Amino acid sequence: MTIKDLIINKAQQSNCCYRIAAIGLNRKGEIVAVSINQHRFPHHGGGIHAEMVLMRKHPKSLRKIIIGRIGRSNELRPISPCSSCYKKSLELGIKIIAIKPDYDY
């Protein structure tokens, strides 16, 4: 299974409006964990980003996070990390990479 397939399969499990998955990798490039975005306040539209879930659970073992978003027909859509996730990743020394829809992984 490719990284692209893993992102798409995992993001399908999200019940949020924007279905997003993140894959956390260690120094060796091995997958540490995979997460999806989650509702935090279901009635107010807020949520916890998939990459933030990984950074909270595995702050010391992560070196890279790959994020991806899928649309209604499970095709990859453009995405980039928010400023909060980006700042947190810099603090922890983790690189966040957004998977590109038109690139074959």
Protein backbone atom coordinates (compact mmCIF):
# COMPACT_ATOMS: atom_id res chain seq x y z
CA MET A 1 0.00 0.00 0.00
CA THR A 2 1.37 3.40 -0.95
CA ILE A 3 1.39 6.52 1.23
CA LYS A 4 -1.30 7.98 -1.02
CA ASP A 5 -3.53 4.90 -0.55
CA LEU A 6 -2.99 4.94 3.20
CA ILE A 7 -3.95 8.64 3.44
CA ILE A 8 -7.10 8.08 1.36
CA ASN A 9 -8.17 4.95 3.28
CA LYS A 10 -7.61 6.54 6.68
CA ALA A 11 -9.26 9.89 5.75
CA GLN A 12 -12.41 8.00 4.73
CA GLN A 13 -12.86 7.16 8.44
CA SER A 14 -13.23 10.83 9.39
CA ASN A 15 -16.76 12.09 9.92
CA CYS A 16 -15.72 15.75 9.75
CA CYS A 17 -16.68 18.10 6.92
CA TYR A 18 -13.05 18.16 5.73
CA ARG A 19 -11.76 14.57 5.84
CA ILE A 20 -8.08 14.70 6.70
CA ALA A 21 -5.51 12.06 7.63
CA ALA A 22 -1.93 12.35 8.86
CA ILE A 23 0.89 9.81 8.84
CA GLY A 24 3.72 10.22 11.36
CA LEU A 25 7.18 8.95 10.46
CA ASN A 26 10.26 8.46 12.64
CA ARG A 27 13.94 9.12 11.77
CA LYS A 28 14.16 5.89 9.78
CA GLY A 29 11.07 6.75 7.73
CA GLU A 30 8.98 4.09 9.48
CA ILE A 31 5.33 4.78 10.23
CA VAL A 32 4.87 5.59 13.92
CA ALA A 33 1.14 6.34 13.82
CA VAL A 34 -1.73 7.38 11.58
CA SER A 35 -4.54 9.70 12.65
CA ILE A 36 -7.57 11.58 11.37
CA ASN A 37 -9.06 14.94 12.28
CA GLN A 38 -11.59 14.74 15.10
CA HIS A 39 -14.56 16.75 16.32
CA ARG A 40 -13.80 18.73 19.44
CA PHE A 41 -17.01 20.74 19.66
CA PRO A 42 -19.48 18.90 17.40
CA HIS A 43 -22.14 21.62 17.58
CA HIS A 44 -19.76 24.53 17.02
CA GLY A 45 -17.66 23.24 14.10
CA GLY A 46 -14.33 23.09 15.94
CA GLY A 47 -12.01 20.13 15.70
CA ILE A 48 -8.58 18.74 16.44
CA HIS A 49 -6.34 18.55 13.41
CA ALA A 50 -4.92 15.15 12.44
CA GLU A 51 -1.33 16.37 12.64
CA MET A 52 -1.91 17.87 16.10
CA VAL A 53 -3.22 14.51 17.31
CA LEU A 54 0.07 12.92 16.24
CA MET A 55 2.22 15.67 17.78
CA ARG A 56 0.40 15.33 21.11
CA LYS A 57 0.65 11.54 21.24
CA HIS A 58 4.18 11.05 19.83
CA PRO A 59 6.16 14.29 20.29
CA LYS A 60 9.56 12.65 20.70
CA SER A 61 9.45 9.91 18.08
CA LEU A 62 8.13 11.93 15.11
CA ARG A 63 10.41 13.55 12.54
CA LYS A 64 7.99 13.98 9.64
CA ILE A 65 4.21 14.17 9.22
CA ILE A 66 2.48 13.70 5.88
CA ILE A 67 -1.02 15.18 5.70
CA GLY A 68 -3.73 14.69 3.10
CA ARG A 69 -7.34 15.69 2.54
CA ILE A 70 -9.95 13.91 0.45
CA GLY A 71 -13.10 15.17 -1.22
CA ARG A 72 -16.55 13.62 -1.48
CA SER A 73 -15.52 11.13 -4.16
CA ASN A 74 -12.35 10.21 -2.20
CA GLU A 75 -10.00 12.13 -4.49
CA LEU A 76 -7.07 14.00 -2.94
CA ARG A 77 -7.67 17.70 -2.42
CA PRO A 78 -5.18 20.54 -1.73
CA ILE A 79 -4.19 21.08 1.91
CA SER A 80 -1.57 22.87 3.98
CA PRO A 81 -1.01 22.94 7.75
CA CYS A 82 -2.59 25.75 9.75
CA SER A 83 -0.35 28.26 11.51
CA SER A 84 -0.84 26.62 14.94
CA CYS A 85 0.15 23.17 13.70
CA TYR A 86 3.05 24.63 11.74
CA LYS A 87 4.38 26.52 14.79
CA LYS A 88 4.04 23.45 17.01
CA SER A 89 5.90 21.34 14.45
CA LEU A 90 8.76 23.86 14.40
CA GLU A 91 8.98 23.74 18.21
CA LEU A 92 9.20 19.94 18.12
CA GLY A 93 11.52 19.74 15.10
CA ILE A 94 8.95 17.93 12.97
CA LYS A 95 8.57 18.57 9.25
CA ILE A 96 4.99 18.65 7.89
CA ILE A 97 4.51 17.69 4.25
CA ALA A 98 1.19 18.07 2.44
CA ILE A 99 0.52 15.33 -0.07
CA LYS A 100 -0.17 16.77 -3.52
CA PRO A 101 -3.26 15.60 -5.45
CA ASP A 102 -1.48 15.36 -8.79
CA TYR A 103 1.64 13.52 -7.55
CA ASP A 104 1.89 9.72 -7.55
CA TYR A 105 3.35 8.46 -4.25
